[in-house]
Amino acid sequence: MRRDYHRWYSPRLGRDMELLIFGHAGQRVLVFPTRDGRFHEYEDIGLVGSLTERIEAGDLQLYCLDGFAGESFYCFWRDPPNRVRRHLAYEDYVLSEVLPFADSLNADPRTVAHGCSLGAFHAASIAFRKPARFSRLVAFSGRYDLTLKVECFADLLDGHYDEDVYFCMPSHFLPRLDCPEQLAVLRRLDIVLTIGAEDPFLDNNRALSRVLGGKGVGHALHVWDRRAHSARSWRQMAPLYL
């Protein structure tokens, strides 16, 4: 399997960012890591291995992104408005630097936004806001409202709310989305969501599913047994849904 490491200085983030690419052709899959994950996480926890056959066959090419949560939503020394701004800068890095780089390496028109846990939020937020840039969204064990308090999970913005927060949270902006042109683009997305039956964000996923259904946006919501929020579960999900 082809494995390429890349690193460059991002002017949007003001620092170096690292990236691993697996494969030589096929759908370009942008892989967002979990909360504490780095660019090598997807390989470390065995998800690259679970997709080896399809990667080697030229069906998938993975672009494993570096993590940024420690500078954005989980940077608790930073005030909440600036946490969101750093997140938006990271999203700009993905759209304006990583995607053009992928275009230069692979002409396949299909681009997949994918991630697990917090990575699922990143994938969903960027794909729902910029659906013309993606063909698929595949999100495992996601939370689509980072202001939601459930069990031990806190509001990551400490009660702060503004327009940037609204437009970053799929659970907030999708219910009010009624522009026919935007909905038409969104309806072209192939959307797969997974969640565990005992996951604290099951209700959040079901609510998002209802919103999508009400907007005529086709999608699949797969509810797995138990919590299903682990590398073991994700290794089983990846060959099924990617």
C-alpha atoms as a PDB file:
ATOM      1  CA  MET A   1       0.000   0.000   0.000  1.00  0.00           C
ATOM      2  CA  ARG A   2       1.310   3.443  -0.894  1.00  0.00           C
ATOM      3  CA  ARG A   3       1.878   5.634   2.180  1.00  0.00           C
ATOM      4  CA  ASP A   4       3.011   9.245   1.821  1.00  0.00           C
ATOM      5  CA  TYR A   5       3.820  11.761   4.564  1.00  0.00           C
ATOM      6  CA  HIS A   6       3.477  15.502   3.947  1.00  0.00           C
ATOM      7  CA  ARG A   7       4.100  18.581   6.051  1.00  0.00           C
ATOM      8  CA  TRP A   8       3.803  22.248   5.204  1.00  0.00           C
ATOM      9  CA  TYR A   9       3.390  25.617   6.842  1.00  0.00           C
ATOM     10  CA  SER A  10      -0.239  26.740   6.825  1.00  0.00           C
ATOM     11  CA  PRO A  11      -0.582  30.527   6.567  1.00  0.00           C
ATOM     12  CA  ARG A  12      -4.193  30.192   7.702  1.00  0.00           C
ATOM     13  CA  LEU A  13      -3.199  28.495  10.955  1.00  0.00           C
ATOM     14  CA  GLY A  14       0.211  30.074  11.442  1.00  0.00           C
ATOM     15  CA  ARG A  15       2.007  26.777  11.962  1.00  0.00           C
ATOM     16  CA  ASP A  16       3.086  23.543  10.296  1.00  0.00           C
ATOM     17  CA  MET A  17       0.420  20.902   9.673  1.00  0.00           C
ATOM     18  CA  GLU A  18       1.075  17.233   8.936  1.00  0.00           C
ATOM     19  CA  LEU A  19      -0.802  14.802   6.722  1.00  0.00           C
ATOM     20  CA  LEU A  20      -0.667  11.108   5.819  1.00  0.00           C
ATOM     21  CA  ILE A  21      -2.010   9.815   2.516  1.00  0.00           C
ATOM     22  CA  PHE A  22      -2.781   6.143   1.948  1.00  0.00           C
ATOM     23  CA  GLY A  23      -3.421   4.803  -1.534  1.00  0.00           C
ATOM     24  CA  HIS A  24      -2.883   5.909  -5.085  1.00  0.00           C
ATOM     25  CA  ALA A  25      -6.351   6.431  -6.575  1.00  0.00           C
ATOM     26  CA  GLY A  26     -10.101   6.352  -6.000  1.00  0.00           C
ATOM     27  CA  GLN A  27     -12.430   8.386  -3.830  1.00  0.00           C
ATOM     28  CA  ARG A  28     -10.507  10.990  -1.833  1.00  0.00           C
ATOM     29  CA  VAL A  29     -11.481  10.447   1.809  1.00  0.00           C
ATOM     30  CA  LEU A  30     -10.727  13.319   4.189  1.00  0.00           C
ATOM     31  CA  VAL A  31     -10.278  11.668   7.587  1.00  0.00           C
ATOM     32  CA  PHE A  32     -10.781  13.954  10.585  1.00  0.00           C
ATOM     33  CA  PRO A  33      -9.263  12.582  13.818  1.00  0.00           C
ATOM     34  CA  THR A  34     -10.900  12.292  17.226  1.00  0.00           C
ATOM     35  CA  ARG A  35     -10.495  14.886  19.990  1.00  0.00           C
ATOM     36  CA  ASP A  36      -6.867  14.058  20.860  1.00  0.00           C
ATOM     37  CA  GLY A  37      -5.995  12.362  17.582  1.00  0.00           C
ATOM     38  CA  ARG A  38      -3.177  13.284  15.242  1.00  0.00           C
ATOM     39  CA  PHE A  39      -2.656  12.608  11.560  1.00  0.00           C
ATOM     40  CA  HIS A  40      -1.423   9.069  12.319  1.00  0.00           C
ATOM     41  CA  GLU A  41      -4.384   8.083  14.546  1.00  0.00           C
ATOM     42  CA  TYR A  42      -6.415   6.353  11.808  1.00  0.00           C
ATOM     43  CA  GLU A  43      -3.439   4.120  11.086  1.00  0.00           C
ATOM     44  CA  ASP A  44      -2.556   3.588  14.745  1.00  0.00           C
ATOM     45  CA  ILE A  45      -6.003   2.276  15.731  1.00  0.00           C
ATOM     46  CA  GLY A  46      -6.242  -0.093  12.789  1.00  0.00           C
ATOM     47  CA  LEU A  47      -8.748   1.634  10.530  1.00  0.00           C
ATOM     48  CA  VAL A  48      -6.309   1.920   7.646  1.00  0.00           C
ATOM     49  CA  GLY A  49      -5.678  -1.800   8.012  1.00  0.00           C
ATOM     50  CA  SER A  50      -9.408  -2.534   7.906  1.00  0.00           C
ATOM     51  CA  LEU A  51      -9.574  -0.841   4.491  1.00  0.00           C
ATOM     52  CA  THR A  52      -6.363  -2.260   3.010  1.00  0.00           C
ATOM     53  CA  GLU A  53      -8.042  -4.263   0.254  1.00  0.00           C
ATOM     54  CA  ARG A  54     -10.022  -1.314  -1.080  1.00  0.00           C
ATOM     55  CA  ILE A  55      -7.089   1.084  -0.782  1.00  0.00           C
ATOM     56  CA  GLU A  56      -4.776  -1.260  -2.687  1.00  0.00           C
ATOM     57  CA  ALA A  57      -7.481  -1.804  -5.324  1.00  0.00           C
ATOM     58  CA  GLY A  58      -7.557   1.938  -6.020  1.00  0.00           C
ATOM     59  CA  ASP A  59     -11.085   2.436  -4.695  1.00  0.00           C
ATOM     60  CA  LEU A  60     -10.141   4.701  -1.774  1.00  0.00           C
ATOM     61  CA  GLN A  61      -7.384   7.210  -1.114  1.00  0.00           C
ATOM     62  CA  LEU A  62      -7.240   8.398   2.497  1.00  0.00           C
ATOM     63  CA  TYR A  63      -6.087  11.878   3.489  1.00  0.00           C
ATOM     64  CA  CYS A  64      -5.558  11.621   7.247  1.00  0.00           C
ATOM     65  CA  LEU A  65      -5.686  15.134   8.661  1.00  0.00           C
ATOM     66  CA  ASP A  66      -3.852  16.434  11.691  1.00  0.00           C
ATOM     67  CA  GLY A  67      -5.910  17.213  14.779  1.00  0.00           C
ATOM     68  CA  PHE A  68      -6.645  20.750  15.910  1.00  0.00           C
ATOM     69  CA  ALA A  69      -9.132  20.433  18.793  1.00  0.00           C
ATOM     70  CA  GLY A  70      -6.501  21.459  21.343  1.00  0.00           C
ATOM     71  CA  GLU A  71      -6.384  24.872  19.674  1.00  0.00           C
ATOM     72  CA  SER A  72     -10.108  25.235  19.051  1.00  0.00           C
ATOM     73  CA  PHE A  73     -13.052  23.683  20.898  1.00  0.00           C
ATOM     74  CA  TYR A  74     -10.937  22.054  23.617  1.00  0.00           C
ATOM     75  CA  CYS A  75      -8.628  25.022  24.139  1.00  0.00           C
ATOM     76  CA  PHE A  76     -10.247  26.079  27.401  1.00  0.00           C
ATOM     77  CA  TRP A  77      -7.772  28.863  28.182  1.00  0.00           C
ATOM     78  CA  ARG A  78      -8.951  30.607  24.997  1.00  0.00           C
ATOM     79  CA  ASP A  79     -12.225  32.564  25.200  1.00  0.00           C
ATOM     80  CA  PRO A  80     -15.161  30.847  23.409  1.00  0.00           C
ATOM     81  CA  PRO A  81     -15.440  33.252  20.426  1.00  0.00           C
ATOM     82  CA  ASN A  82     -11.788  32.625  19.609  1.00  0.00           C
ATOM     83  CA  ARG A  83     -12.217  28.862  19.980  1.00  0.00           C
ATOM     84  CA  VAL A  84     -14.789  29.054  17.197  1.00  0.00           C
ATOM     85  CA  ARG A  85     -12.580  31.322  15.096  1.00  0.00           C
ATOM     86  CA  ARG A  86      -9.707  28.848  15.349  1.00  0.00           C
ATOM     87  CA  HIS A  87     -12.070  26.072  14.288  1.00  0.00           C
ATOM     88  CA  LEU A  88     -13.136  28.123  11.258  1.00  0.00           C
ATOM     89  CA  ALA A  89      -9.481  28.749  10.406  1.00  0.00           C
ATOM     90  CA  TYR A  90      -8.895  24.986  10.528  1.00  0.00           C
ATOM     91  CA  GLU A  91     -11.850  24.447   8.231  1.00  0.00           C
ATOM     92  CA  ASP A  92     -10.418  27.066   5.854  1.00  0.00           C
ATOM     93  CA  TYR A  93      -7.098  25.184   5.905  1.00  0.00           C
ATOM     94  CA  VAL A  94      -8.910  21.988   4.879  1.00  0.00           C
ATOM     95  CA  LEU A  95     -10.916  23.667   2.104  1.00  0.00           C
ATOM     96  CA  SER A  96      -8.229  26.001   0.774  1.00  0.00           C
ATOM     97  CA  GLU A  97      -5.054  23.978   1.275  1.00  0.00           C
ATOM     98  CA  VAL A  98      -5.757  20.256   1.675  1.00  0.00           C
ATOM     99  CA  LEU A  99      -8.471  19.915  -0.968  1.00  0.00           C
ATOM    100  CA  PRO A 100      -6.499  21.730  -3.688  1.00  0.00           C
ATOM    101  CA  PHE A 101      -3.502  19.570  -2.800  1.00  0.00           C
ATOM    102  CA  ALA A 102      -5.690  16.466  -3.171  1.00  0.00           C
ATOM    103  CA  ASP A 103      -6.932  17.785  -6.516  1.00  0.00           C
ATOM    104  CA  SER A 104      -3.339  18.055  -7.713  1.00  0.00           C
ATOM    105  CA  LEU A 105      -2.651  14.416  -6.828  1.00  0.00           C
ATOM    106  CA  ASN A 106      -5.895  12.696  -7.746  1.00  0.00           C
ATOM    107  CA  ALA A 107      -8.422  13.758 -10.375  1.00  0.00           C
ATOM    108  CA  ASP A 108     -11.231  11.571  -9.022  1.00  0.00           C
ATOM    109  CA  PRO A 109     -14.224  13.928  -8.589  1.00  0.00           C
ATOM    110  CA  ARG A 110     -15.529  12.103  -5.505  1.00  0.00           C
ATOM    111  CA  THR A 111     -14.565  13.516  -2.116  1.00  0.00           C
ATOM    112  CA  VAL A 112     -15.715  11.979   1.157  1.00  0.00           C
ATOM    113  CA  ALA A 113     -15.844  13.758   4.531  1.00  0.00           C
ATOM    114  CA  HIS A 114     -15.270  11.164   7.238  1.00  0.00           C
ATOM    115  CA  GLY A 115     -14.456  10.948  10.919  1.00  0.00           C
ATOM    116  CA  CYS A 116     -15.121   9.237  14.233  1.00  0.00           C
ATOM    117  CA  SER A 117     -16.307  10.893  17.453  1.00  0.00           C
ATOM    118  CA  LEU A 118     -15.253  14.576  17.293  1.00  0.00           C
ATOM    119  CA  GLY A 119     -13.968  13.798  13.803  1.00  0.00           C
ATOM    120  CA  ALA A 120     -17.552  12.947  12.837  1.00  0.00           C
ATOM    121  CA  PHE A 121     -18.615  16.417  13.968  1.00  0.00           C
ATOM    122  CA  HIS A 122     -15.870  17.998  11.845  1.00  0.00           C
ATOM    123  CA  ALA A 123     -16.849  15.920   8.823  1.00  0.00           C
ATOM    124  CA  ALA A 124     -20.559  16.706   9.192  1.00  0.00           C
ATOM    125  CA  SER A 125     -20.080  20.408   9.871  1.00  0.00           C
ATOM    126  CA  ILE A 126     -17.915  20.958   6.806  1.00  0.00           C
ATOM    127  CA  ALA A 127     -19.960  18.708   4.491  1.00  0.00           C
ATOM    128  CA  PHE A 128     -23.335  20.169   5.461  1.00  0.00           C
ATOM    129  CA  ARG A 129     -22.047  23.732   5.130  1.00  0.00           C
ATOM    130  CA  LYS A 130     -20.082  23.132   1.917  1.00  0.00           C
ATOM    131  CA  PRO A 131     -21.962  20.246   0.239  1.00  0.00           C
ATOM    132  CA  ALA A 132     -20.843  21.219  -3.261  1.00  0.00           C
ATOM    133  CA  ARG A 133     -17.276  20.278  -2.266  1.00  0.00           C
ATOM    134  CA  PHE A 134     -18.190  16.721  -1.232  1.00  0.00           C
ATOM    135  CA  SER A 135     -19.913  13.669  -2.651  1.00  0.00           C
ATOM    136  CA  ARG A 136     -20.324  11.714   0.598  1.00  0.00           C
ATOM    137  CA  LEU A 137     -20.425  12.109   4.364  1.00  0.00           C
ATOM    138  CA  VAL A 138     -19.597   9.091   6.520  1.00  0.00           C
ATOM    139  CA  ALA A 139     -19.721   9.912  10.236  1.00  0.00           C
ATOM    140  CA  PHE A 140     -19.222   7.419  13.074  1.00  0.00           C
ATOM    141  CA  SER A 141     -20.300   8.052  16.696  1.00  0.00           C
ATOM    142  CA  GLY A 142     -20.762  11.765  16.213  1.00  0.00           C
ATOM    143  CA  ARG A 143     -22.076  14.643  18.304  1.00  0.00           C
ATOM    144  CA  TYR A 144     -23.569  17.342  16.093  1.00  0.00           C
ATOM    145  CA  ASP A 145     -24.174  20.032  18.712  1.00  0.00           C
ATOM    146  CA  LEU A 146     -21.109  20.902  20.785  1.00  0.00           C
ATOM    147  CA  THR A 147     -23.215  23.153  23.025  1.00  0.00           C
ATOM    148  CA  LEU A 148     -25.301  20.163  24.141  1.00  0.00           C
ATOM    149  CA  LYS A 149     -24.825  18.945  27.722  1.00  0.00           C
ATOM    150  CA  VAL A 150     -25.254  15.189  28.103  1.00  0.00           C
ATOM    151  CA  GLU A 151     -23.896  12.991  30.908  1.00  0.00           C
ATOM    152  CA  CYS A 152     -20.305  14.103  31.546  1.00  0.00           C
ATOM    153  CA  PHE A 153     -20.124  16.010  28.239  1.00  0.00           C
ATOM    154  CA  ALA A 154     -20.214  19.765  28.718  1.00  0.00           C
ATOM    155  CA  ASP A 155     -21.055  22.703  26.500  1.00  0.00           C
ATOM    156  CA  LEU A 156     -17.695  23.236  24.808  1.00  0.00           C
ATOM    157  CA  LEU A 157     -18.429  26.946  24.383  1.00  0.00           C
ATOM    158  CA  ASP A 158     -19.357  27.679  28.004  1.00  0.00           C
ATOM    159  CA  GLY A 159     -22.735  29.189  27.141  1.00  0.00           C
ATOM    160  CA  HIS A 160     -21.369  31.514  24.443  1.00  0.00           C
ATOM    161  CA  TYR A 161     -23.571  31.770  21.362  1.00  0.00           C
ATOM    162  CA  ASP A 162     -23.280  33.816  18.191  1.00  0.00           C
ATOM    163  CA  GLU A 163     -23.707  33.476  14.442  1.00  0.00           C
ATOM    164  CA  ASP A 164     -20.460  31.536  14.047  1.00  0.00           C
ATOM    165  CA  VAL A 165     -21.589  28.967  16.629  1.00  0.00           C
ATOM    166  CA  TYR A 166     -24.975  28.675  14.927  1.00  0.00           C
ATOM    167  CA  PHE A 167     -23.484  27.945  11.521  1.00  0.00           C
ATOM    168  CA  CYS A 168     -20.898  25.470  12.846  1.00  0.00           C
ATOM    169  CA  MET A 169     -23.456  23.216  14.543  1.00  0.00           C
ATOM    170  CA  PRO A 170     -25.456  20.999  12.140  1.00  0.00           C
ATOM    171  CA  SER A 171     -28.147  20.517  14.794  1.00  0.00           C
ATOM    172  CA  HIS A 172     -28.694  24.287  14.831  1.00  0.00           C
ATOM    173  CA  PHE A 173     -28.528  25.497  11.239  1.00  0.00           C
ATOM    174  CA  LEU A 174     -30.029  22.558   9.350  1.00  0.00           C
ATOM    175  CA  PRO A 175     -33.547  22.827  10.855  1.00  0.00           C
ATOM    176  CA  ARG A 176     -33.859  26.390   9.499  1.00  0.00           C
ATOM    177  CA  LEU A 177     -32.265  25.717   6.125  1.00  0.00           C
ATOM    178  CA  ASP A 178     -34.954  26.388   3.515  1.00  0.00           C
ATOM    179  CA  CYS A 179     -33.053  27.754   0.486  1.00  0.00           C
ATOM    180  CA  PRO A 180     -34.118  25.559  -2.477  1.00  0.00           C
ATOM    181  CA  GLU A 181     -30.731  25.856  -4.177  1.00  0.00           C
ATOM    182  CA  GLN A 182     -28.808  24.869  -1.041  1.00  0.00           C
ATOM    183  CA  LEU A 183     -31.162  22.000  -0.313  1.00  0.00           C
ATOM    184  CA  ALA A 184     -30.814  20.727  -3.891  1.00  0.00           C
ATOM    185  CA  VAL A 185     -27.036  20.509  -3.467  1.00  0.00           C
ATOM    186  CA  LEU A 186     -27.403  18.897  -0.040  1.00  0.00           C
ATOM    187  CA  ARG A 187     -29.758  16.259  -1.444  1.00  0.00           C
ATOM    188  CA  ARG A 188     -27.001  15.065  -3.781  1.00  0.00           C
ATOM    189  CA  LEU A 189     -24.835  14.033  -0.831  1.00  0.00           C
ATOM    190  CA  ASP A 190     -24.620  10.351   0.084  1.00  0.00           C
ATOM    191  CA  ILE A 191     -24.907  10.489   3.888  1.00  0.00           C
ATOM    192  CA  VAL A 192     -24.184   7.701   6.376  1.00  0.00           C
ATOM    193  CA  LEU A 193     -24.397   8.208  10.150  1.00  0.00           C
ATOM    194  CA  THR A 194     -23.699   5.565  12.784  1.00  0.00           C
ATOM    195  CA  ILE A 195     -24.234   5.615  16.528  1.00  0.00           C
ATOM    196  CA  GLY A 196     -24.418   3.111  19.381  1.00  0.00           C
ATOM    197  CA  ALA A 197     -27.717   2.240  21.056  1.00  0.00           C
ATOM    198  CA  GLU A 198     -26.172   3.213  24.418  1.00  0.00           C
ATOM    199  CA  ASP A 199     -24.239   6.229  23.160  1.00  0.00           C
ATOM    200  CA  PRO A 200     -25.198   9.424  25.034  1.00  0.00           C
ATOM    201  CA  PHE A 201     -25.628  11.194  21.704  1.00  0.00           C
ATOM    202  CA  LEU A 202     -28.130   8.716  20.270  1.00  0.00           C
ATOM    203  CA  ASP A 203     -30.975  11.245  20.659  1.00  0.00           C
ATOM    204  CA  ASN A 204     -28.874  13.917  18.963  1.00  0.00           C
ATOM    205  CA  ASN A 205     -28.304  11.592  15.995  1.00  0.00           C
ATOM    206  CA  ARG A 206     -31.968  10.658  15.796  1.00  0.00           C
ATOM    207  CA  ALA A 207     -32.981  14.320  15.906  1.00  0.00           C
ATOM    208  CA  LEU A 208     -30.543  15.112  13.092  1.00  0.00           C
ATOM    209  CA  SER A 209     -31.945  12.197  11.107  1.00  0.00           C
ATOM    210  CA  ARG A 210     -35.477  13.559  11.526  1.00  0.00           C
ATOM    211  CA  VAL A 211     -34.364  16.990  10.342  1.00  0.00           C
ATOM    212  CA  LEU A 212     -32.688  15.534   7.256  1.00  0.00           C
ATOM    213  CA  GLY A 213     -35.728  13.416   6.484  1.00  0.00           C
ATOM    214  CA  GLY A 214     -38.002  16.424   6.854  1.00  0.00           C
ATOM    215  CA  LYS A 215     -35.872  18.330   4.345  1.00  0.00           C
ATOM    216  CA  GLY A 216     -35.993  15.492   1.843  1.00  0.00           C
ATOM    217  CA  VAL A 217     -32.291  14.771   2.303  1.00  0.00           C
ATOM    218  CA  GLY A 218     -31.674  11.069   1.840  1.00  0.00           C
ATOM    219  CA  HIS A 219     -29.430   9.416   4.378  1.00  0.00           C
ATOM    220  CA  ALA A 220     -28.871   6.272   6.435  1.00  0.00           C
ATOM    221  CA  LEU A 221     -28.710   6.167  10.226  1.00  0.00           C
ATOM    222  CA  HIS A 222     -27.310   2.892  11.549  1.00  0.00           C
ATOM    223  CA  VAL A 223     -27.766   2.187  15.267  1.00  0.00           C
ATOM    224  CA  TRP A 224     -25.256  -0.361  16.565  1.00  0.00           C
ATOM    225  CA  ASP A 225     -25.480  -2.457  19.702  1.00  0.00           C
ATOM    226  CA  ARG A 226     -24.224  -1.023  22.990  1.00  0.00           C
ATOM    227  CA  ARG A 227     -22.146   2.151  22.956  1.00  0.00           C
ATOM    228  CA  ALA A 228     -20.143   1.301  19.787  1.00  0.00           C
ATOM    229  CA  HIS A 229     -17.813   4.218  20.492  1.00  0.00           C
ATOM    230  CA  SER A 230     -14.442   2.515  20.126  1.00  0.00           C
ATOM    231  CA  ALA A 231     -11.729   1.713  17.640  1.00  0.00           C
ATOM    232  CA  ARG A 232     -12.968  -1.885  17.573  1.00  0.00           C
ATOM    233  CA  SER A 233     -16.440  -0.797  16.462  1.00  0.00           C
ATOM    234  CA  TRP A 234     -15.086   1.700  13.961  1.00  0.00           C
ATOM    235  CA  ARG A 235     -12.850  -0.967  12.415  1.00  0.00           C
ATOM    236  CA  GLN A 236     -15.982  -2.988  11.766  1.00  0.00           C
ATOM    237  CA  MET A 237     -17.930   0.011  10.429  1.00  0.00           C
ATOM    238  CA  ALA A 238     -15.336   1.319   7.997  1.00  0.00           C
ATOM    239  CA  PRO A 239     -15.431  -1.558   5.461  1.00  0.00           C
ATOM    240  CA  LEU A 240     -19.235  -1.557   5.610  1.00  0.00           C
ATOM    241  CA  TYR A 241     -19.910   2.127   5.064  1.00  0.00           C
ATOM    242  CA  LEU A 242     -16.877   3.661   3.340  1.00  0.00           C
END
